[in-house]
C-alpha cells in the first residue's frame, strides 16, 4: 500500500480551504484516516489565479517580504498596458495613413487619366482618347473588384448552421 505524502513543513496555521474540504469528506472517511486525508488535501491542493496582477493576498505577502514591491508590480503592469496601447495606436494610425495615401494616389491617377483622355480628344485623336479611356475604365473596375475581394477575406465568415434533424 502506498502512503500519502507528508504535509509541507513550516506552516503550522491550518488553511481554511483545506479544513473546509476535510470537513466535507469527513462523513465518507474512516475515523482513523482523517489525518491522512488532511495530508493528502494539503499535498495536492492548488490555488489558481488568472489575471495580469497577483491575487490581493499575494500583494500583501510581497509587501511584507520587500516593502514597496507591490507598488512596483502595479507600476510594471501599468507600464506594460501603456506600451501595448501605444503599439496598437501606431498600427491603427499607419493603417489609416496607408489607406489615405492610396486614396489620394488613386484620385491623382484618375485626374491624370481624364486629363490625358480630354487632351487626346481636344487634339483631334478620338481613337487614342477612346482606347486610353477604355483601358482606364477596365483598370478602375479591376481595382474596385480586387478591393472588394480583399474586404471579403478580412471579414470573418459567419458560422454555418447545421441543418435541424427531423424527428421521426
N, C-alpha and C. Protein backbone atom coordinates (compact mmCIF):
# COMPACT_ATOMS: atom_id res chain seq x y z
N UNK A 1 0.84 -1.17 0.00
CA UNK A 1 0.00 0.00 0.00
C UNK A 1 0.89 1.24 0.00
N UNK A 2 0.57 2.20 -0.85
CA UNK A 2 1.37 3.42 -0.91
C UNK A 2 0.86 4.41 0.12
N UNK A 3 1.78 5.10 0.73
CA UNK A 3 1.38 6.09 1.73
C UNK A 3 1.29 7.45 1.06
N UNK A 4 0.51 8.31 1.65
CA UNK A 4 0.34 9.65 1.12
C UNK A 4 1.53 10.50 1.52
N UNK A 5 1.86 11.49 0.69
CA UNK A 5 2.99 12.36 1.03
C UNK A 5 2.69 13.16 2.29
N UNK A 6 3.73 13.50 2.99
CA UNK A 6 3.58 14.27 4.23
C UNK A 6 3.21 15.70 3.89
N UNK A 7 2.52 16.33 4.83
CA UNK A 7 2.16 17.74 4.66
C UNK A 7 3.42 18.58 4.68
N UNK A 8 3.41 19.70 3.95
CA UNK A 8 4.59 20.56 3.94
C UNK A 8 4.92 21.06 5.33
N UNK A 9 6.20 21.16 5.62
CA UNK A 9 6.67 21.60 6.93
C UNK A 9 6.72 23.12 6.98
N UNK A 10 6.68 23.65 8.20
CA UNK A 10 6.89 25.07 8.39
C UNK A 10 5.62 25.89 8.35
N UNK A 11 4.47 25.30 8.08
CA UNK A 11 3.22 26.05 8.05
C UNK A 11 2.30 25.44 9.08
N UNK A 12 2.31 25.99 10.30
CA UNK A 12 1.52 25.44 11.39
C UNK A 12 0.07 25.91 11.36
N UNK A 13 -0.21 27.03 10.72
CA UNK A 13 -1.58 27.56 10.68
C UNK A 13 -2.42 26.73 9.72
N UNK A 14 -3.59 26.26 10.19
CA UNK A 14 -4.44 25.48 9.29
C UNK A 14 -5.02 26.37 8.20
N UNK A 15 -5.03 25.84 6.98
CA UNK A 15 -5.58 26.55 5.84
C UNK A 15 -7.10 26.40 5.87
N UNK A 16 -7.86 27.49 5.82
CA UNK A 16 -9.32 27.39 5.90
C UNK A 16 -9.91 26.54 4.77
N UNK A 17 -9.36 26.65 3.58
CA UNK A 17 -9.87 25.85 2.46
C UNK A 17 -9.62 24.37 2.69
N UNK A 18 -8.43 24.03 3.18
CA UNK A 18 -8.11 22.63 3.47
C UNK A 18 -9.06 22.08 4.52
N UNK A 19 -9.28 22.86 5.59
CA UNK A 19 -10.17 22.40 6.65
C UNK A 19 -11.60 22.24 6.14
N UNK A 20 -12.02 23.13 5.27
CA UNK A 20 -13.37 23.03 4.71
C UNK A 20 -13.51 21.76 3.87
N UNK A 21 -12.51 21.46 3.06
CA UNK A 21 -12.55 20.24 2.24
C UNK A 21 -12.52 18.98 3.11
N UNK A 22 -11.71 19.00 4.15
CA UNK A 22 -11.63 17.84 5.05
C UNK A 22 -12.98 17.62 5.73
N UNK A 23 -13.62 18.71 6.16
CA UNK A 23 -14.93 18.58 6.82
C UNK A 23 -15.99 18.06 5.87
N UNK A 24 -15.89 18.41 4.60
CA UNK A 24 -16.87 17.94 3.63
C UNK A 24 -16.74 16.44 3.37
N UNK A 25 -15.53 15.92 3.40
CA UNK A 25 -15.35 14.49 3.13
C UNK A 25 -15.33 13.65 4.40
N UNK A 26 -15.33 14.26 5.57
CA UNK A 26 -15.26 13.54 6.85
C UNK A 26 -16.32 12.44 6.96
N UNK A 27 -17.59 12.66 6.55
CA UNK A 27 -18.59 11.59 6.69
C UNK A 27 -18.26 10.34 5.86
N UNK A 28 -17.43 10.48 4.85
CA UNK A 28 -17.13 9.36 3.96
C UNK A 28 -15.81 8.67 4.27
N UNK A 29 -15.10 9.13 5.30
CA UNK A 29 -13.77 8.62 5.63
C UNK A 29 -13.83 7.89 6.98
N UNK A 30 -13.06 6.82 7.06
CA UNK A 30 -12.97 6.09 8.33
C UNK A 30 -12.39 7.02 9.39
N UNK A 31 -12.83 6.90 10.65
CA UNK A 31 -12.38 7.84 11.70
C UNK A 31 -10.87 7.93 11.84
N UNK A 32 -10.14 6.88 11.68
CA UNK A 32 -8.70 6.92 11.86
C UNK A 32 -7.95 7.47 10.65
N UNK A 33 -8.64 7.74 9.56
CA UNK A 33 -7.98 8.17 8.32
C UNK A 33 -8.13 9.66 8.03
N UNK A 34 -8.74 10.41 8.93
CA UNK A 34 -8.98 11.84 8.68
C UNK A 34 -7.67 12.59 8.52
N UNK A 35 -6.69 12.29 9.38
CA UNK A 35 -5.40 12.99 9.30
C UNK A 35 -4.71 12.67 7.97
N UNK A 36 -4.85 11.45 7.50
CA UNK A 36 -4.25 11.07 6.22
C UNK A 36 -4.92 11.85 5.08
N UNK A 37 -6.24 12.00 5.16
CA UNK A 37 -6.96 12.79 4.14
C UNK A 37 -6.48 14.24 4.19
N UNK A 38 -6.29 14.78 5.39
CA UNK A 38 -5.82 16.16 5.53
C UNK A 38 -4.45 16.34 4.86
N UNK A 39 -3.55 15.39 5.07
CA UNK A 39 -2.22 15.46 4.43
C UNK A 39 -2.35 15.38 2.92
N UNK A 40 -3.25 14.54 2.45
CA UNK A 40 -3.46 14.40 1.01
C UNK A 40 -3.98 15.71 0.42
N UNK A 41 -4.96 16.32 1.08
CA UNK A 41 -5.53 17.58 0.59
C UNK A 41 -4.47 18.67 0.58
N UNK A 42 -3.66 18.75 1.62
CA UNK A 42 -2.61 19.76 1.68
C UNK A 42 -1.58 19.53 0.59
N UNK A 43 -1.22 18.29 0.36
CA UNK A 43 -0.18 17.98 -0.63
C UNK A 43 -0.66 18.22 -2.05
N UNK A 44 -1.95 18.07 -2.31
CA UNK A 44 -2.44 18.16 -3.67
C UNK A 44 -3.39 19.32 -3.92
N UNK A 45 -3.48 20.25 -3.01
CA UNK A 45 -4.32 21.42 -3.26
C UNK A 45 -3.51 22.42 -4.06
N UNK A 46 -4.23 23.21 -4.81
CA UNK A 46 -3.58 24.17 -5.69
C UNK A 46 -4.45 25.41 -5.77
N UNK A 47 -3.84 26.57 -5.70
CA UNK A 47 -4.55 27.83 -5.82
C UNK A 47 -4.32 28.35 -7.23
N UNK A 48 -5.40 28.72 -7.88
CA UNK A 48 -5.30 29.22 -9.25
C UNK A 48 -5.83 30.65 -9.29
N UNK A 49 -5.06 31.51 -9.91
CA UNK A 49 -5.48 32.91 -10.08
C UNK A 49 -5.15 33.31 -11.50
N UNK A 50 -6.10 33.96 -12.15
CA UNK A 50 -5.86 34.43 -13.51
C UNK A 50 -5.88 35.94 -13.52
N UNK A 51 -5.07 36.50 -14.35
CA UNK A 51 -5.05 37.95 -14.49
C UNK A 51 -3.64 38.46 -14.60
N UNK A 52 -3.50 39.71 -14.99
CA UNK A 52 -2.16 40.28 -15.15
C UNK A 52 -1.47 40.60 -13.83
N UNK A 53 -2.24 40.67 -12.76
CA UNK A 53 -1.67 41.02 -11.46
C UNK A 53 -1.84 39.86 -10.49
N UNK A 54 -1.00 39.80 -9.47
CA UNK A 54 -1.18 38.76 -8.44
C UNK A 54 -2.49 38.96 -7.68
N UNK A 55 -2.92 37.91 -7.00
CA UNK A 55 -4.11 38.00 -6.17
C UNK A 55 -3.86 39.01 -5.05
N UNK A 56 -4.92 39.62 -4.52
CA UNK A 56 -4.74 40.65 -3.48
C UNK A 56 -3.94 40.17 -2.27
N UNK A 57 -4.17 38.92 -1.83
CA UNK A 57 -3.41 38.45 -0.66
C UNK A 57 -1.93 38.27 -1.00
N UNK A 58 -1.63 38.01 -2.27
CA UNK A 58 -0.22 37.90 -2.68
C UNK A 58 0.46 39.27 -2.65
N UNK A 59 -0.29 40.32 -2.99
CA UNK A 59 0.27 41.67 -2.89
C UNK A 59 0.73 41.94 -1.46
N UNK A 60 -0.08 41.55 -0.51
CA UNK A 60 0.27 41.77 0.90
C UNK A 60 1.56 41.02 1.24
N UNK A 61 1.69 39.78 0.77
CA UNK A 61 2.89 39.00 1.05
C UNK A 61 4.13 39.62 0.39
N UNK A 62 3.95 40.15 -0.83
CA UNK A 62 5.08 40.82 -1.49
C UNK A 62 5.53 42.01 -0.65
N UNK A 63 4.58 42.81 -0.18
CA UNK A 63 4.93 43.99 0.61
C UNK A 63 5.56 43.61 1.93
N UNK A 64 5.12 42.51 2.54
CA UNK A 64 5.73 42.06 3.79
C UNK A 64 7.17 41.60 3.57
N UNK A 65 7.41 40.96 2.45
CA UNK A 65 8.75 40.47 2.14
C UNK A 65 9.69 41.61 1.76
N UNK A 66 9.21 42.48 0.88
CA UNK A 66 10.02 43.60 0.42
C UNK A 66 9.12 44.83 0.34
N UNK A 67 9.20 45.74 1.30
CA UNK A 67 8.32 46.91 1.30
C UNK A 67 8.41 47.69 -0.01
N UNK A 68 7.23 48.03 -0.54
CA UNK A 68 7.17 48.78 -1.79
C UNK A 68 7.12 47.91 -3.03
N UNK A 69 7.28 46.61 -2.88
CA UNK A 69 7.31 45.75 -4.07
C UNK A 69 5.94 45.64 -4.73
N UNK A 70 4.86 45.71 -3.96
CA UNK A 70 3.52 45.66 -4.55
C UNK A 70 3.30 46.86 -5.46
N UNK A 71 3.76 48.01 -5.03
CA UNK A 71 3.63 49.22 -5.85
C UNK A 71 4.45 49.09 -7.13
N UNK A 72 5.63 48.50 -7.03
CA UNK A 72 6.46 48.29 -8.22
C UNK A 72 5.80 47.33 -9.20
N UNK A 73 5.15 46.28 -8.68
CA UNK A 73 4.46 45.33 -9.56
C UNK A 73 3.30 46.02 -10.26
N UNK A 74 2.55 46.82 -9.54
CA UNK A 74 1.43 47.54 -10.12
C UNK A 74 1.92 48.53 -11.18
N UNK A 75 3.00 49.22 -10.91
CA UNK A 75 3.57 50.17 -11.88
C UNK A 75 4.05 49.43 -13.14
N UNK A 76 4.64 48.25 -12.95
CA UNK A 76 5.10 47.45 -14.09
C UNK A 76 3.90 47.07 -14.98
N UNK A 77 2.79 46.66 -14.37
CA UNK A 77 1.60 46.29 -15.14
C UNK A 77 1.03 47.50 -15.88
N UNK A 78 1.03 48.65 -15.21
CA UNK A 78 0.53 49.87 -15.86
C UNK A 78 1.41 50.26 -17.05
N UNK A 79 2.73 50.15 -16.88
CA UNK A 79 3.65 50.47 -17.97
C UNK A 79 3.45 49.52 -19.15
N UNK A 80 3.24 48.24 -18.87
CA UNK A 80 3.01 47.26 -19.92
C UNK A 80 1.72 47.58 -20.68
N UNK A 81 0.68 47.96 -19.96
CA UNK A 81 -0.59 48.30 -20.61
C UNK A 81 -0.43 49.56 -21.47
N UNK A 82 0.27 50.57 -20.95
CA UNK A 82 0.51 51.78 -21.73
C UNK A 82 1.28 51.46 -23.01
N UNK A 83 2.31 50.62 -22.88
CA UNK A 83 3.09 50.23 -24.06
C UNK A 83 2.23 49.53 -25.10
N UNK A 84 1.39 48.61 -24.63
CA UNK A 84 0.52 47.86 -25.55
C UNK A 84 -0.45 48.80 -26.25
N UNK A 85 -1.02 49.76 -25.52
CA UNK A 85 -1.95 50.70 -26.14
C UNK A 85 -1.24 51.59 -27.16
N UNK A 86 -0.03 52.06 -26.84
CA UNK A 86 0.71 52.88 -27.80
C UNK A 86 1.03 52.09 -29.06
N UNK A 87 1.43 50.82 -28.91
CA UNK A 87 1.75 49.99 -30.08
C UNK A 87 0.51 49.77 -30.94
N UNK A 88 -0.64 49.50 -30.31
CA UNK A 88 -1.86 49.32 -31.08
C UNK A 88 -2.26 50.61 -31.80
N UNK A 89 -2.10 51.74 -31.14
CA UNK A 89 -2.42 53.02 -31.78
C UNK A 89 -1.52 53.30 -32.97
N UNK A 90 -0.22 52.95 -32.86
CA UNK A 90 0.68 53.13 -34.00
C UNK A 90 0.24 52.28 -35.18
N UNK A 91 -0.14 51.03 -34.92
CA UNK A 91 -0.58 50.15 -36.01
C UNK A 91 -1.81 50.72 -36.69
N UNK A 92 -2.77 51.17 -35.90
CA UNK A 92 -4.01 51.72 -36.46
C UNK A 92 -3.72 52.99 -37.26
N UNK A 93 -2.88 53.87 -36.71
CA UNK A 93 -2.55 55.11 -37.40
C UNK A 93 -1.88 54.84 -38.74
N UNK A 94 -0.93 53.90 -38.76
CA UNK A 94 -0.25 53.58 -40.02
C UNK A 94 -1.20 52.93 -41.02
N UNK A 95 -2.13 52.13 -40.53
CA UNK A 95 -3.09 51.50 -41.45
C UNK A 95 -3.97 52.55 -42.12
N UNK A 96 -4.49 53.50 -41.33
CA UNK A 96 -5.32 54.54 -41.91
C UNK A 96 -4.51 55.47 -42.80
N UNK A 97 -3.27 55.78 -42.41
CA UNK A 97 -2.42 56.63 -43.24
C UNK A 97 -2.16 55.97 -44.59
N UNK A 98 -1.91 54.66 -44.58
CA UNK A 98 -1.70 53.94 -45.84
C UNK A 98 -2.93 53.98 -46.73
N UNK A 99 -4.09 53.83 -46.14
CA UNK A 99 -5.33 53.89 -46.94
C UNK A 99 -5.53 55.30 -47.50
N UNK A 100 -5.25 56.31 -46.70
CA UNK A 100 -5.42 57.69 -47.12
C UNK A 100 -4.49 58.01 -48.28
N UNK A 101 -3.23 57.62 -48.17
CA UNK A 101 -2.27 57.86 -49.26
C UNK A 101 -2.70 57.12 -50.52
N UNK A 102 -3.21 55.90 -50.36
CA UNK A 102 -3.69 55.15 -51.52
C UNK A 102 -4.87 55.82 -52.20
N UNK A 103 -5.78 56.37 -51.42
CA UNK A 103 -6.93 57.06 -52.00
C UNK A 103 -6.50 58.33 -52.73
N UNK A 104 -5.58 59.08 -52.13
CA UNK A 104 -5.07 60.30 -52.79
C UNK A 104 -4.37 59.92 -54.09
N UNK A 105 -3.55 58.86 -54.05
CA UNK A 105 -2.86 58.42 -55.26
C UNK A 105 -3.84 57.98 -56.34
N UNK A 106 -4.89 57.28 -55.96
CA UNK A 106 -5.89 56.84 -56.94
C UNK A 106 -6.61 58.04 -57.54
N UNK A 107 -6.92 59.03 -56.72
CA UNK A 107 -7.59 60.24 -57.22
C UNK A 107 -6.68 60.98 -58.20
N UNK A 108 -5.40 61.11 -57.87
CA UNK A 108 -4.46 61.78 -58.77
C UNK A 108 -4.31 61.01 -60.09
N UNK A 109 -4.26 59.68 -60.01
CA UNK A 109 -4.16 58.88 -61.23
C UNK A 109 -5.41 59.05 -62.10
N UNK A 110 -6.58 59.11 -61.47
CA UNK A 110 -7.82 59.29 -62.23
C UNK A 110 -7.84 60.67 -62.89
N UNK A 111 -7.37 61.69 -62.18
CA UNK A 111 -7.32 63.04 -62.76
C UNK A 111 -6.37 63.06 -63.95
N UNK A 112 -5.20 62.40 -63.80
CA UNK A 112 -4.24 62.35 -64.93
C UNK A 112 -4.83 61.59 -66.11
N UNK A 113 -5.56 60.51 -65.84
CA UNK A 113 -6.17 59.73 -66.91
C UNK A 113 -7.21 60.57 -67.65
N UNK A 114 -8.07 61.25 -66.89
CA UNK A 114 -9.10 62.09 -67.53
C UNK A 114 -8.47 63.24 -68.31
N UNK A 115 -7.39 63.82 -67.78
CA UNK A 115 -6.69 64.90 -68.48
C UNK A 115 -6.12 64.39 -69.79
N UNK A 116 -5.55 63.20 -69.77
CA UNK A 116 -4.98 62.61 -70.99
C UNK A 116 -6.08 62.34 -72.01
N UNK A 117 -7.20 61.79 -71.57
CA UNK A 117 -8.30 61.49 -72.49
C UNK A 117 -8.85 62.78 -73.09
N UNK A 118 -9.08 63.79 -72.25
CA UNK A 118 -9.59 65.06 -72.76
C UNK A 118 -8.58 65.74 -73.67
N UNK A 119 -7.28 65.62 -73.33
CA UNK A 119 -6.23 66.20 -74.18
C UNK A 119 -6.21 65.53 -75.55
N UNK A 120 -6.32 64.21 -75.60
CA UNK A 120 -6.35 63.50 -76.88
C UNK A 120 -7.58 63.90 -77.69
N UNK A 121 -8.72 64.03 -77.03
CA UNK A 121 -9.95 64.42 -77.73
C UNK A 121 -9.82 65.85 -78.25
N UNK A 122 -9.23 66.73 -77.48
CA UNK A 122 -9.05 68.12 -77.88
C UNK A 122 -8.10 68.24 -79.07
N UNK A 123 -7.07 67.38 -79.13
CA UNK A 123 -6.09 67.41 -80.22
C UNK A 123 -6.59 66.68 -81.46
N UNK A 124 -7.81 66.17 -81.43
CA UNK A 124 -8.37 65.52 -82.61
C UNK A 124 -7.98 64.06 -82.74
N UNK A 125 -7.73 63.41 -81.66
CA UNK A 125 -7.36 61.99 -81.65
C UNK A 125 -8.43 61.20 -80.90
N UNK A 126 -9.63 61.05 -81.47
CA UNK A 126 -10.70 60.37 -80.74
C UNK A 126 -10.40 58.89 -80.51
N UNK A 127 -9.69 58.25 -81.43
CA UNK A 127 -9.36 56.83 -81.25
C UNK A 127 -8.44 56.65 -80.04
N UNK A 128 -7.41 57.47 -79.92
CA UNK A 128 -6.48 57.39 -78.78
C UNK A 128 -7.22 57.70 -77.48
N UNK A 129 -8.11 58.70 -77.52
CA UNK A 129 -8.87 59.05 -76.32
C UNK A 129 -9.78 57.89 -75.91
N UNK A 130 -10.42 57.23 -76.86
CA UNK A 130 -11.29 56.10 -76.57
C UNK A 130 -10.53 54.92 -76.00
N UNK A 131 -9.37 54.60 -76.60
CA UNK A 131 -8.56 53.47 -76.12
C UNK A 131 -8.04 53.75 -74.71
N UNK A 132 -7.50 54.93 -74.48
CA UNK A 132 -6.99 55.27 -73.15
C UNK A 132 -8.12 55.28 -72.13
N UNK A 133 -9.27 55.81 -72.48
CA UNK A 133 -10.43 55.84 -71.58
C UNK A 133 -10.93 54.44 -71.26
N UNK A 134 -10.97 53.56 -72.28
CA UNK A 134 -11.43 52.19 -72.06
C UNK A 134 -10.46 51.43 -71.16
N UNK A 135 -9.16 51.59 -71.42
CA UNK A 135 -8.17 50.92 -70.58
C UNK A 135 -8.28 51.44 -69.14
N UNK A 136 -8.46 52.74 -68.98
CA UNK A 136 -8.62 53.31 -67.64
C UNK A 136 -9.85 52.76 -66.94
N UNK A 137 -10.97 52.64 -67.65
CA UNK A 137 -12.19 52.10 -67.06
C UNK A 137 -12.00 50.65 -66.63
N UNK A 138 -11.30 49.87 -67.48
CA UNK A 138 -11.04 48.46 -67.13
C UNK A 138 -10.16 48.37 -65.88
N UNK A 139 -9.13 49.19 -65.81
CA UNK A 139 -8.23 49.18 -64.65
C UNK A 139 -9.00 49.58 -63.39
N UNK A 140 -9.84 50.62 -63.48
CA UNK A 140 -10.62 51.05 -62.32
C UNK A 140 -11.57 49.93 -61.88
N UNK A 141 -12.22 49.27 -62.82
CA UNK A 141 -13.10 48.16 -62.48
C UNK A 141 -12.35 47.02 -61.81
N UNK A 142 -11.16 46.70 -62.34
CA UNK A 142 -10.36 45.63 -61.75
C UNK A 142 -9.93 46.00 -60.33
N UNK A 143 -9.50 47.24 -60.11
CA UNK A 143 -9.09 47.67 -58.77
C UNK A 143 -10.26 47.63 -57.80
N UNK A 144 -11.44 48.04 -58.24
CA UNK A 144 -12.61 48.00 -57.37
C UNK A 144 -12.96 46.56 -57.00
N UNK A 145 -12.90 45.65 -57.99
CA UNK A 145 -13.20 44.24 -57.75
C UNK A 145 -12.18 43.63 -56.78
N UNK A 146 -10.90 43.92 -56.96
CA UNK A 146 -9.88 43.34 -56.08
C UNK A 146 -9.98 43.89 -54.66
N UNK A 147 -10.36 45.18 -54.51
CA UNK A 147 -10.53 45.72 -53.15
C UNK A 147 -11.75 45.09 -52.48
N UNK A 148 -12.80 44.80 -53.23
CA UNK A 148 -13.97 44.13 -52.66
C UNK A 148 -13.60 42.72 -52.21
N UNK A 149 -12.77 42.02 -52.98
CA UNK A 149 -12.34 40.67 -52.60
C UNK A 149 -11.46 40.71 -51.35
N UNK A 150 -10.61 41.72 -51.25
CA UNK A 150 -9.75 41.86 -50.07
C UNK A 150 -10.60 42.11 -48.82
N UNK A 151 -11.65 42.93 -48.95
CA UNK A 151 -12.53 43.18 -47.81
C UNK A 151 -13.25 41.91 -47.39
N UNK A 152 -13.64 41.07 -48.33
CA UNK A 152 -14.30 39.81 -48.00
C UNK A 152 -13.36 38.88 -47.26
N UNK A 153 -12.09 38.86 -47.64
CA UNK A 153 -11.12 37.98 -46.98
C UNK A 153 -10.83 38.44 -45.56
N UNK A 154 -10.87 39.76 -45.31
CA UNK A 154 -10.59 40.27 -43.96
C UNK A 154 -11.73 39.99 -43.00
N UNK A 155 -12.97 40.02 -43.49
CA UNK A 155 -14.12 39.81 -42.61
C UNK A 155 -14.25 38.32 -42.29
N UNK A 156 -14.45 37.99 -41.00
CA UNK A 156 -14.62 36.58 -40.64
C UNK A 156 -15.96 36.05 -41.17
N UNK A 157 -15.92 34.82 -41.62
CA UNK A 157 -17.13 34.21 -42.15
C UNK A 157 -18.07 33.86 -41.00
N UNK A 158 -19.36 34.08 -41.20
CA UNK A 158 -20.30 33.70 -40.13
C UNK A 158 -20.34 32.20 -39.99
N UNK A 159 -20.57 31.71 -38.77
CA UNK A 159 -20.61 30.25 -38.58
C UNK A 159 -21.79 29.64 -39.33
N UNK A 160 -21.54 28.48 -39.89
CA UNK A 160 -22.59 27.79 -40.63
C UNK A 160 -23.48 27.05 -39.65
N UNK A 161 -24.78 27.16 -39.88
CA UNK A 161 -25.73 26.45 -39.03
C UNK A 161 -25.91 25.04 -39.56
N UNK A 162 -25.94 24.12 -38.65
CA UNK A 162 -26.20 22.73 -39.02
C UNK A 162 -27.69 22.58 -39.28
N UNK A 163 -28.05 21.85 -40.32
CA UNK A 163 -29.49 21.65 -40.56
C UNK A 163 -30.12 20.90 -39.40
N UNK A 164 -31.33 21.32 -39.07
CA UNK A 164 -32.03 20.69 -37.96
C UNK A 164 -32.41 19.26 -38.33
N UNK A 165 -32.23 18.37 -37.38
CA UNK A 165 -32.58 16.98 -37.63
C UNK A 165 -34.09 16.82 -37.43
N UNK A 166 -34.65 16.11 -38.34
CA UNK A 166 -36.09 15.89 -38.26
C UNK A 166 -36.39 14.72 -37.35
N UNK A 167 -37.41 14.91 -36.55
CA UNK A 167 -37.82 13.83 -35.66
C UNK A 167 -38.75 12.92 -36.42
N UNK A 168 -38.61 11.65 -36.18
CA UNK A 168 -39.48 10.67 -36.86
C UNK A 168 -40.50 10.13 -35.93
